[in-house]
Amino acid sequence: MDNIILIGMPAAGKSTIGVIIAKRLGYQFVDVDLLIQEKEGKLLKDIIAERGIQGFLEVEDQVNAGLHVERTVISPGGSVVYCENAMKHFKKIGKVLYLKASFETISRRLKNVRGRGVVLGDGQTLKELYDERVKLFEKYADITVCEDGLHLDEMIEKVMKALRES
């Protein structure tokens, strides 16, 4: 149980923060979106376009639930919270840390939602997606760290402190 799994909205900083805390802890770092793209030989947005949201979530669930790592910071995609097998697996192999950011913060950072490969239903707004996912992030989180108003270095310190105290 020595892994750290970062969950949160796209643009919450899971990959950026994950790489830095992995270095600080002497851990490995895994960006699951990159593993999915490598496995499928396609960009996330192309997988979603070809297979639909449900097809993409099946791939995401399989890849995340199949991760067998130790002393690793794991950065899955924001939609992993829809993947029950993956989330059960993550709860067994590590601590789930929710990088919480307000809707305003996320919407300011996310410029091209669909181009980034965000799992967004037809006609669904970013705000609707945010509201839907926040409940799931809160459900699965062992630790929650709010990043609103913090610079990257402040956020790293806040995450490191939360990990020490957990």
N, C-alpha and C. Protein backbone atom coordinates (compact mmCIF):
# COMPACT_ATOMS: atom_id res chain seq x y z
N MET A 1 0.82 -1.20 0.00
CA MET A 1 0.00 0.00 0.00
C MET A 1 0.86 1.26 0.00
N ASP A 2 1.86 1.26 -0.82
CA ASP A 2 2.80 2.38 -0.79
C ASP A 2 2.71 3.27 -2.02
N ASN A 3 1.63 3.13 -2.78
CA ASN A 3 1.45 3.99 -3.96
C ASN A 3 0.58 5.19 -3.59
N ILE A 4 0.69 6.23 -4.41
CA ILE A 4 -0.15 7.42 -4.27
C ILE A 4 -0.87 7.61 -5.59
N ILE A 5 -2.18 7.65 -5.53
CA ILE A 5 -2.99 7.80 -6.74
C ILE A 5 -3.62 9.18 -6.71
N LEU A 6 -3.34 9.99 -7.72
CA LEU A 6 -3.87 11.35 -7.78
C LEU A 6 -5.14 11.36 -8.63
N ILE A 7 -6.24 11.83 -8.05
CA ILE A 7 -7.47 11.97 -8.82
C ILE A 7 -7.87 13.44 -8.83
N GLY A 8 -8.67 13.81 -9.81
CA GLY A 8 -9.13 15.19 -9.93
C GLY A 8 -9.51 15.47 -11.38
N MET A 9 -10.06 16.62 -11.58
CA MET A 9 -10.49 17.04 -12.91
C MET A 9 -9.30 17.18 -13.85
N PRO A 10 -9.57 17.08 -15.17
CA PRO A 10 -8.52 17.44 -16.12
C PRO A 10 -8.07 18.88 -15.81
N ALA A 11 -6.80 19.13 -15.90
CA ALA A 11 -6.19 20.44 -15.62
C ALA A 11 -6.05 20.73 -14.13
N ALA A 12 -6.29 19.73 -13.28
CA ALA A 12 -6.08 19.92 -11.84
C ALA A 12 -4.60 19.86 -11.48
N GLY A 13 -3.78 19.34 -12.40
CA GLY A 13 -2.34 19.28 -12.16
C GLY A 13 -1.84 17.92 -11.74
N LYS A 14 -2.61 16.86 -12.02
CA LYS A 14 -2.22 15.52 -11.59
C LYS A 14 -0.85 15.12 -12.12
N SER A 15 -0.60 15.35 -13.40
CA SER A 15 0.69 14.96 -13.98
C SER A 15 1.81 15.87 -13.51
N THR A 16 1.58 17.16 -13.52
CA THR A 16 2.61 18.12 -13.11
C THR A 16 3.01 17.90 -11.66
N ILE A 17 2.03 17.84 -10.78
CA ILE A 17 2.28 17.66 -9.35
C ILE A 17 2.83 16.25 -9.10
N GLY A 18 2.27 15.27 -9.82
CA GLY A 18 2.69 13.89 -9.65
C GLY A 18 4.17 13.66 -9.90
N VAL A 19 4.67 14.23 -10.99
CA VAL A 19 6.10 14.08 -11.32
C VAL A 19 6.96 14.67 -10.20
N ILE A 20 6.59 15.82 -9.71
CA ILE A 20 7.40 16.50 -8.69
C ILE A 20 7.36 15.74 -7.37
N ILE A 21 6.18 15.30 -6.94
CA ILE A 21 6.14 14.58 -5.65
C ILE A 21 6.81 13.21 -5.77
N ALA A 22 6.74 12.60 -6.95
CA ALA A 22 7.46 11.33 -7.15
C ALA A 22 8.96 11.54 -6.97
N LYS A 23 9.49 12.61 -7.55
CA LYS A 23 10.92 12.92 -7.40
C LYS A 23 11.25 13.16 -5.93
N ARG A 24 10.41 13.92 -5.24
CA ARG A 24 10.66 14.23 -3.83
C ARG A 24 10.64 12.99 -2.94
N LEU A 25 9.79 12.03 -3.29
CA LEU A 25 9.65 10.81 -2.48
C LEU A 25 10.58 9.69 -2.93
N GLY A 26 11.22 9.87 -4.09
CA GLY A 26 12.05 8.80 -4.64
C GLY A 26 11.19 7.68 -5.23
N TYR A 27 9.99 8.04 -5.72
CA TYR A 27 9.04 7.09 -6.30
C TYR A 27 9.12 7.14 -7.82
N GLN A 28 8.54 6.14 -8.45
CA GLN A 28 8.31 6.16 -9.89
C GLN A 28 7.08 7.02 -10.16
N PHE A 29 6.86 7.38 -11.42
CA PHE A 29 5.68 8.12 -11.81
C PHE A 29 5.06 7.46 -13.03
N VAL A 30 3.74 7.28 -13.00
CA VAL A 30 3.03 6.70 -14.14
C VAL A 30 1.87 7.62 -14.52
N ASP A 31 1.86 8.05 -15.78
CA ASP A 31 0.73 8.79 -16.34
C ASP A 31 -0.09 7.78 -17.14
N VAL A 32 -1.24 7.41 -16.58
CA VAL A 32 -2.03 6.33 -17.18
C VAL A 32 -2.57 6.71 -18.56
N ASP A 33 -2.87 7.97 -18.79
CA ASP A 33 -3.33 8.38 -20.12
C ASP A 33 -2.30 8.01 -21.19
N LEU A 34 -1.03 8.16 -20.86
CA LEU A 34 0.02 7.78 -21.81
C LEU A 34 0.07 6.27 -22.02
N LEU A 35 -0.17 5.50 -20.95
CA LEU A 35 -0.22 4.03 -21.09
C LEU A 35 -1.38 3.61 -21.99
N ILE A 36 -2.52 4.27 -21.82
CA ILE A 36 -3.69 3.97 -22.65
C ILE A 36 -3.38 4.27 -24.12
N GLN A 37 -2.79 5.43 -24.38
CA GLN A 37 -2.45 5.81 -25.75
C GLN A 37 -1.44 4.84 -26.36
N GLU A 38 -0.48 4.41 -25.54
CA GLU A 38 0.53 3.46 -26.01
C GLU A 38 -0.12 2.11 -26.33
N LYS A 39 -0.96 1.62 -25.43
CA LYS A 39 -1.64 0.33 -25.61
C LYS A 39 -2.52 0.33 -26.86
N GLU A 40 -3.24 1.43 -27.06
CA GLU A 40 -4.19 1.52 -28.17
C GLU A 40 -3.57 2.05 -29.47
N GLY A 41 -2.39 2.66 -29.35
CA GLY A 41 -1.74 3.24 -30.53
C GLY A 41 -2.48 4.45 -31.08
N LYS A 42 -3.23 5.13 -30.22
CA LYS A 42 -4.04 6.29 -30.64
C LYS A 42 -4.09 7.33 -29.53
N LEU A 43 -4.40 8.55 -29.91
CA LEU A 43 -4.65 9.61 -28.93
C LEU A 43 -5.97 9.33 -28.22
N LEU A 44 -6.09 9.84 -26.98
CA LEU A 44 -7.32 9.64 -26.21
C LEU A 44 -8.55 10.11 -26.99
N LYS A 45 -8.46 11.30 -27.58
CA LYS A 45 -9.62 11.84 -28.30
C LYS A 45 -10.03 10.94 -29.46
N ASP A 46 -9.05 10.26 -30.09
CA ASP A 46 -9.36 9.35 -31.19
C ASP A 46 -10.00 8.06 -30.69
N ILE A 47 -9.55 7.58 -29.53
CA ILE A 47 -10.17 6.39 -28.93
C ILE A 47 -11.63 6.70 -28.60
N ILE A 48 -11.88 7.86 -28.00
CA ILE A 48 -13.25 8.27 -27.66
C ILE A 48 -14.09 8.40 -28.92
N ALA A 49 -13.53 9.02 -29.96
CA ALA A 49 -14.27 9.21 -31.22
C ALA A 49 -14.63 7.86 -31.86
N GLU A 50 -13.71 6.90 -31.79
CA GLU A 50 -13.93 5.60 -32.43
C GLU A 50 -14.81 4.67 -31.61
N ARG A 51 -14.59 4.64 -30.31
CA ARG A 51 -15.27 3.65 -29.47
C ARG A 51 -16.43 4.21 -28.66
N GLY A 52 -16.53 5.54 -28.63
CA GLY A 52 -17.54 6.15 -27.79
C GLY A 52 -17.07 6.21 -26.34
N ILE A 53 -17.83 6.91 -25.53
CA ILE A 53 -17.44 7.09 -24.13
C ILE A 53 -17.37 5.75 -23.41
N GLN A 54 -18.38 4.92 -23.57
CA GLN A 54 -18.39 3.63 -22.86
C GLN A 54 -17.22 2.75 -23.27
N GLY A 55 -16.91 2.72 -24.56
CA GLY A 55 -15.77 1.94 -25.03
C GLY A 55 -14.46 2.44 -24.47
N PHE A 56 -14.32 3.77 -24.40
CA PHE A 56 -13.11 4.34 -23.81
C PHE A 56 -13.00 3.98 -22.34
N LEU A 57 -14.12 4.11 -21.61
CA LEU A 57 -14.10 3.80 -20.16
C LEU A 57 -13.73 2.34 -19.91
N GLU A 58 -14.13 1.44 -20.80
CA GLU A 58 -13.75 0.03 -20.65
C GLU A 58 -12.24 -0.14 -20.75
N VAL A 59 -11.64 0.55 -21.72
CA VAL A 59 -10.18 0.50 -21.88
C VAL A 59 -9.52 1.12 -20.65
N GLU A 60 -10.03 2.26 -20.23
CA GLU A 60 -9.46 2.97 -19.07
C GLU A 60 -9.54 2.10 -17.82
N ASP A 61 -10.68 1.46 -17.61
CA ASP A 61 -10.86 0.60 -16.44
C ASP A 61 -9.86 -0.55 -16.47
N GLN A 62 -9.73 -1.18 -17.63
CA GLN A 62 -8.83 -2.34 -17.78
C GLN A 62 -7.37 -1.94 -17.51
N VAL A 63 -6.93 -0.84 -18.10
CA VAL A 63 -5.53 -0.42 -17.95
C VAL A 63 -5.25 -0.03 -16.50
N ASN A 64 -6.13 0.75 -15.89
CA ASN A 64 -5.90 1.18 -14.50
C ASN A 64 -5.97 0.01 -13.53
N ALA A 65 -6.96 -0.86 -13.68
CA ALA A 65 -7.11 -2.00 -12.78
C ALA A 65 -5.97 -3.00 -12.94
N GLY A 66 -5.30 -2.96 -14.09
CA GLY A 66 -4.19 -3.87 -14.35
C GLY A 66 -2.83 -3.34 -13.94
N LEU A 67 -2.79 -2.18 -13.33
CA LEU A 67 -1.50 -1.60 -12.91
C LEU A 67 -0.98 -2.33 -11.67
N HIS A 68 0.22 -2.86 -11.78
CA HIS A 68 0.85 -3.53 -10.64
C HIS A 68 2.20 -2.86 -10.42
N VAL A 69 2.21 -1.90 -9.53
CA VAL A 69 3.40 -1.09 -9.27
C VAL A 69 3.57 -0.94 -7.75
N GLU A 70 4.77 -0.55 -7.36
CA GLU A 70 5.07 -0.24 -5.97
C GLU A 70 5.85 1.06 -5.92
N ARG A 71 5.66 1.78 -4.82
CA ARG A 71 6.37 3.05 -4.62
C ARG A 71 6.26 3.93 -5.87
N THR A 72 5.01 4.14 -6.28
CA THR A 72 4.73 4.87 -7.52
C THR A 72 3.64 5.90 -7.30
N VAL A 73 3.82 7.07 -7.89
CA VAL A 73 2.76 8.08 -7.96
C VAL A 73 2.05 7.82 -9.28
N ILE A 74 0.74 7.56 -9.19
CA ILE A 74 -0.06 7.22 -10.35
C ILE A 74 -0.99 8.39 -10.68
N SER A 75 -0.97 8.79 -11.94
CA SER A 75 -1.84 9.87 -12.40
C SER A 75 -2.77 9.32 -13.48
N PRO A 76 -3.97 8.88 -13.05
CA PRO A 76 -4.95 8.42 -14.04
C PRO A 76 -5.71 9.60 -14.63
N GLY A 77 -6.46 9.34 -15.70
CA GLY A 77 -7.31 10.39 -16.25
C GLY A 77 -8.43 10.74 -15.28
N GLY A 78 -9.01 11.90 -15.45
CA GLY A 78 -10.07 12.36 -14.56
C GLY A 78 -11.30 11.47 -14.57
N SER A 79 -11.51 10.74 -15.68
CA SER A 79 -12.70 9.90 -15.79
C SER A 79 -12.53 8.55 -15.11
N VAL A 80 -11.37 8.27 -14.50
CA VAL A 80 -11.15 6.99 -13.84
C VAL A 80 -12.18 6.74 -12.73
N VAL A 81 -12.76 7.81 -12.18
CA VAL A 81 -13.73 7.63 -11.09
C VAL A 81 -15.03 6.98 -11.57
N TYR A 82 -15.20 6.85 -12.89
CA TYR A 82 -16.34 6.10 -13.43
C TYR A 82 -16.02 4.61 -13.55
N CYS A 83 -14.79 4.25 -13.28
CA CYS A 83 -14.30 2.88 -13.48
C CYS A 83 -14.20 2.16 -12.14
N GLU A 84 -15.22 1.40 -11.83
CA GLU A 84 -15.32 0.77 -10.52
C GLU A 84 -14.17 -0.20 -10.22
N ASN A 85 -13.80 -1.03 -11.19
CA ASN A 85 -12.70 -1.98 -10.96
C ASN A 85 -11.40 -1.24 -10.67
N ALA A 86 -11.13 -0.22 -11.45
CA ALA A 86 -9.90 0.56 -11.27
C ALA A 86 -9.87 1.21 -9.89
N MET A 87 -10.99 1.81 -9.48
CA MET A 87 -10.99 2.50 -8.20
C MET A 87 -10.87 1.52 -7.02
N LYS A 88 -11.49 0.36 -7.13
CA LYS A 88 -11.32 -0.68 -6.07
C LYS A 88 -9.85 -1.09 -6.00
N HIS A 89 -9.24 -1.28 -7.15
CA HIS A 89 -7.82 -1.65 -7.22
C HIS A 89 -6.95 -0.56 -6.58
N PHE A 90 -7.21 0.69 -6.93
CA PHE A 90 -6.41 1.79 -6.38
C PHE A 90 -6.54 1.88 -4.86
N LYS A 91 -7.75 1.67 -4.34
CA LYS A 91 -7.95 1.73 -2.89
C LYS A 91 -7.15 0.63 -2.18
N LYS A 92 -6.91 -0.49 -2.89
CA LYS A 92 -6.15 -1.61 -2.30
C LYS A 92 -4.65 -1.34 -2.33
N ILE A 93 -4.18 -0.69 -3.39
CA ILE A 93 -2.72 -0.58 -3.59
C ILE A 93 -2.12 0.75 -3.14
N GLY A 94 -2.93 1.65 -2.63
CA GLY A 94 -2.35 2.93 -2.21
C GLY A 94 -3.34 3.89 -1.62
N LYS A 95 -2.86 5.10 -1.43
CA LYS A 95 -3.69 6.20 -0.93
C LYS A 95 -4.18 7.01 -2.11
N VAL A 96 -5.47 7.32 -2.12
CA VAL A 96 -6.06 8.11 -3.19
C VAL A 96 -6.12 9.57 -2.72
N LEU A 97 -5.42 10.44 -3.44
CA LEU A 97 -5.35 11.85 -3.09
C LEU A 97 -6.08 12.67 -4.15
N TYR A 98 -7.09 13.40 -3.70
CA TYR A 98 -7.91 14.23 -4.59
C TYR A 98 -7.34 15.63 -4.65
N LEU A 99 -6.91 16.04 -5.85
CA LEU A 99 -6.46 17.41 -6.08
C LEU A 99 -7.70 18.23 -6.44
N LYS A 100 -8.20 18.91 -5.44
CA LYS A 100 -9.46 19.64 -5.58
C LYS A 100 -9.21 21.06 -6.09
N ALA A 101 -9.96 21.41 -7.11
CA ALA A 101 -9.88 22.77 -7.66
C ALA A 101 -11.30 23.22 -7.96
N SER A 102 -11.56 24.49 -7.77
CA SER A 102 -12.89 25.03 -8.04
C SER A 102 -13.20 24.95 -9.53
N PHE A 103 -14.48 25.03 -9.85
CA PHE A 103 -14.88 25.03 -11.26
C PHE A 103 -14.21 26.20 -11.99
N GLU A 104 -14.14 27.34 -11.34
CA GLU A 104 -13.54 28.53 -11.97
C GLU A 104 -12.08 28.26 -12.34
N THR A 105 -11.35 27.61 -11.44
CA THR A 105 -9.94 27.29 -11.71
C THR A 105 -9.82 26.34 -12.90
N ILE A 106 -10.63 25.28 -12.89
CA ILE A 106 -10.58 24.29 -13.97
C ILE A 106 -10.97 24.91 -15.30
N SER A 107 -12.04 25.69 -15.31
CA SER A 107 -12.50 26.25 -16.59
C SER A 107 -11.50 27.28 -17.13
N ARG A 108 -10.78 27.96 -16.26
CA ARG A 108 -9.75 28.90 -16.71
C ARG A 108 -8.57 28.14 -17.34
N ARG A 109 -8.22 26.99 -16.78
CA ARG A 109 -7.07 26.22 -17.27
C ARG A 109 -7.38 25.38 -18.51
N LEU A 110 -8.62 24.90 -18.62
CA LEU A 110 -8.99 23.99 -19.71
C LEU A 110 -9.48 24.79 -20.91
N LYS A 111 -8.68 24.84 -21.92
CA LYS A 111 -9.06 25.63 -23.10
C LYS A 111 -9.79 24.79 -24.14
N ASN A 112 -9.24 23.61 -24.45
CA ASN A 112 -9.82 22.79 -25.50
C ASN A 112 -10.22 21.44 -24.92
N VAL A 113 -11.42 21.35 -24.38
CA VAL A 113 -11.87 20.17 -23.66
C VAL A 113 -11.86 18.93 -24.55
N ARG A 114 -12.50 19.00 -25.70
CA ARG A 114 -12.60 17.81 -26.57
C ARG A 114 -11.24 17.45 -27.18
N GLY A 115 -10.46 18.44 -27.55
CA GLY A 115 -9.15 18.18 -28.14
C GLY A 115 -8.20 17.51 -27.16
N ARG A 116 -8.47 17.69 -25.89
CA ARG A 116 -7.63 17.10 -24.85
C ARG A 116 -8.03 15.66 -24.55
N GLY A 117 -9.15 15.21 -25.06
CA GLY A 117 -9.59 13.84 -24.81
C GLY A 117 -10.35 13.70 -23.51
N VAL A 118 -11.08 14.74 -23.14
CA VAL A 118 -11.91 14.69 -21.93
C VAL A 118 -13.20 13.94 -22.25
N VAL A 119 -13.59 13.03 -21.35
CA VAL A 119 -14.81 12.25 -21.53
C VAL A 119 -16.00 13.13 -21.18
N LEU A 120 -16.61 13.70 -22.22
CA LEU A 120 -17.71 14.64 -22.07
C LEU A 120 -18.86 14.17 -22.94
N GLY A 121 -20.01 13.93 -22.31
CA GLY A 121 -21.17 13.44 -23.06
C GLY A 121 -21.70 14.46 -24.06
N ASP A 122 -22.45 13.99 -25.06
CA ASP A 122 -23.06 14.89 -26.04
C ASP A 122 -23.94 15.90 -25.32
N GLY A 123 -23.69 17.17 -25.58
CA GLY A 123 -24.50 18.23 -24.98
C GLY A 123 -24.16 18.51 -23.52
N GLN A 124 -23.23 17.76 -22.94
CA GLN A 124 -22.86 17.99 -21.55
C GLN A 124 -21.90 19.17 -21.46
N THR A 125 -22.16 20.06 -20.51
CA THR A 125 -21.27 21.21 -20.31
C THR A 125 -20.14 20.82 -19.36
N LEU A 126 -19.09 21.60 -19.38
CA LEU A 126 -17.98 21.38 -18.46
C LEU A 126 -18.47 21.48 -17.01
N LYS A 127 -19.36 22.42 -16.74
CA LYS A 127 -19.90 22.60 -15.38
C LYS A 127 -20.67 21.35 -14.94
N GLU A 128 -21.47 20.78 -15.83
CA GLU A 128 -22.21 19.55 -15.50
C GLU A 128 -21.25 18.40 -15.22
N LEU A 129 -20.22 18.30 -16.04
CA LEU A 129 -19.20 17.27 -15.84
C LEU A 129 -18.51 17.46 -14.49
N TYR A 130 -18.15 18.69 -14.20
CA TYR A 130 -17.49 19.02 -12.93
C TYR A 130 -18.36 18.61 -11.75
N ASP A 131 -19.62 19.02 -11.77
CA ASP A 131 -20.53 18.72 -10.66
C ASP A 131 -20.71 17.21 -10.48
N GLU A 132 -20.77 16.49 -11.58
CA GLU A 132 -20.95 15.04 -11.55
C GLU A 132 -19.71 14.35 -10.95
N ARG A 133 -18.55 14.79 -11.38
CA ARG A 133 -17.32 14.13 -10.94
C ARG A 133 -16.91 14.47 -9.52
N VAL A 134 -17.18 15.69 -9.08
CA VAL A 134 -16.76 16.09 -7.73
C VAL A 134 -17.30 15.11 -6.69
N LYS A 135 -18.54 14.69 -6.85
CA LYS A 135 -19.14 13.73 -5.90
C LYS A 135 -18.34 12.43 -5.87
N LEU A 136 -17.90 11.98 -7.04
CA LEU A 136 -17.13 10.74 -7.13
C LEU A 136 -15.72 10.92 -6.57
N PHE A 137 -15.09 12.05 -6.85
CA PHE A 137 -13.76 12.32 -6.30
C PHE A 137 -13.82 12.29 -4.77
N GLU A 138 -14.84 12.93 -4.22
CA GLU A 138 -15.00 12.98 -2.76
C GLU A 138 -15.28 11.59 -2.19
N LYS A 139 -16.03 10.79 -2.91
CA LYS A 139 -16.36 9.43 -2.47
C LYS A 139 -15.09 8.57 -2.34
N TYR A 140 -14.21 8.66 -3.30
CA TYR A 140 -13.04 7.79 -3.34
C TYR A 140 -11.81 8.32 -2.60
N ALA A 141 -11.76 9.60 -2.31
CA ALA A 141 -10.55 10.22 -1.75
C ALA A 141 -10.25 9.76 -0.33
N ASP A 142 -8.99 9.41 -0.10
CA ASP A 142 -8.49 9.19 1.26
C ASP A 142 -7.99 10.52 1.82
N ILE A 143 -7.49 11.36 0.94
CA ILE A 143 -6.92 12.67 1.29
C ILE A 143 -7.43 13.67 0.25
N THR A 144 -7.80 14.86 0.70
CA THR A 144 -8.20 15.92 -0.23
C THR A 144 -7.32 17.14 0.01
N VAL A 145 -6.77 17.67 -1.06
CA VAL A 145 -5.95 18.89 -0.96
C VAL A 145 -6.53 19.90 -1.94
N CYS A 146 -6.92 21.06 -1.41
CA CYS A 146 -7.51 22.12 -2.24
C CYS A 146 -6.39 23.02 -2.76
N GLU A 147 -6.41 23.24 -4.07
CA GLU A 147 -5.32 24.00 -4.69
C GLU A 147 -5.68 25.42 -5.08
N ASP A 148 -6.92 25.82 -4.86
CA ASP A 148 -7.33 27.16 -5.30
C ASP A 148 -6.46 28.25 -4.70
N GLY A 149 -5.99 29.13 -5.56
CA GLY A 149 -5.21 30.29 -5.12
C GLY A 149 -3.76 29.98 -4.80
N LEU A 150 -3.33 28.75 -5.02
CA LEU A 150 -1.94 28.40 -4.69
C LEU A 150 -1.08 28.34 -5.95
N HIS A 151 0.18 28.74 -5.80
CA HIS A 151 1.16 28.55 -6.86
C HIS A 151 1.63 27.10 -6.79
N LEU A 152 2.26 26.63 -7.84
CA LEU A 152 2.69 25.24 -7.92
C LEU A 152 3.54 24.83 -6.71
N ASP A 153 4.54 25.63 -6.35
CA ASP A 153 5.41 25.26 -5.23
C ASP A 153 4.63 25.18 -3.91
N GLU A 154 3.64 26.05 -3.72
CA GLU A 154 2.80 26.00 -2.52
C GLU A 154 1.94 24.73 -2.51
N MET A 155 1.45 24.37 -3.69
CA MET A 155 0.61 23.18 -3.80
C MET A 155 1.44 21.92 -3.51
N ILE A 156 2.66 21.87 -4.01
CA ILE A 156 3.54 20.73 -3.75
C ILE A 156 3.75 20.58 -2.24
N GLU A 157 4.05 21.68 -1.58
CA GLU A 157 4.26 21.63 -0.12
C GLU A 157 3.00 21.17 0.60
N LYS A 158 1.85 21.63 0.16
CA LYS A 158 0.59 21.24 0.79
C LYS A 158 0.33 19.74 0.60
N VAL A 159 0.60 19.22 -0.58
CA VAL A 159 0.44 17.79 -0.85
C VAL A 159 1.42 16.98 0.00
N MET A 160 2.68 17.38 0.05
CA MET A 160 3.68 16.66 0.83
C MET A 160 3.30 16.63 2.31
N LYS A 161 2.81 17.74 2.81
CA LYS A 161 2.38 17.82 4.22
C LYS A 161 1.19 16.88 4.46
N ALA A 162 0.22 16.89 3.56
CA ALA A 162 -0.95 16.02 3.69
C ALA A 162 -0.54 14.54 3.67
N LEU A 163 0.42 14.19 2.83
CA LEU A 163 0.90 12.81 2.77
C LEU A 163 1.62 12.42 4.05
N ARG A 164 2.43 13.32 4.60
CA ARG A 164 3.14 13.03 5.87
C ARG A 164 2.14 12.82 7.00
N GLU A 165 1.06 13.60 6.99
CA GLU A 165 0.09 13.56 8.09
C GLU A 165 -0.91 12.43 7.96
N SER A 166 -0.95 11.77 6.80
CA SER A 166 -1.98 10.72 6.62
C SER A 166 -1.50 9.36 7.11
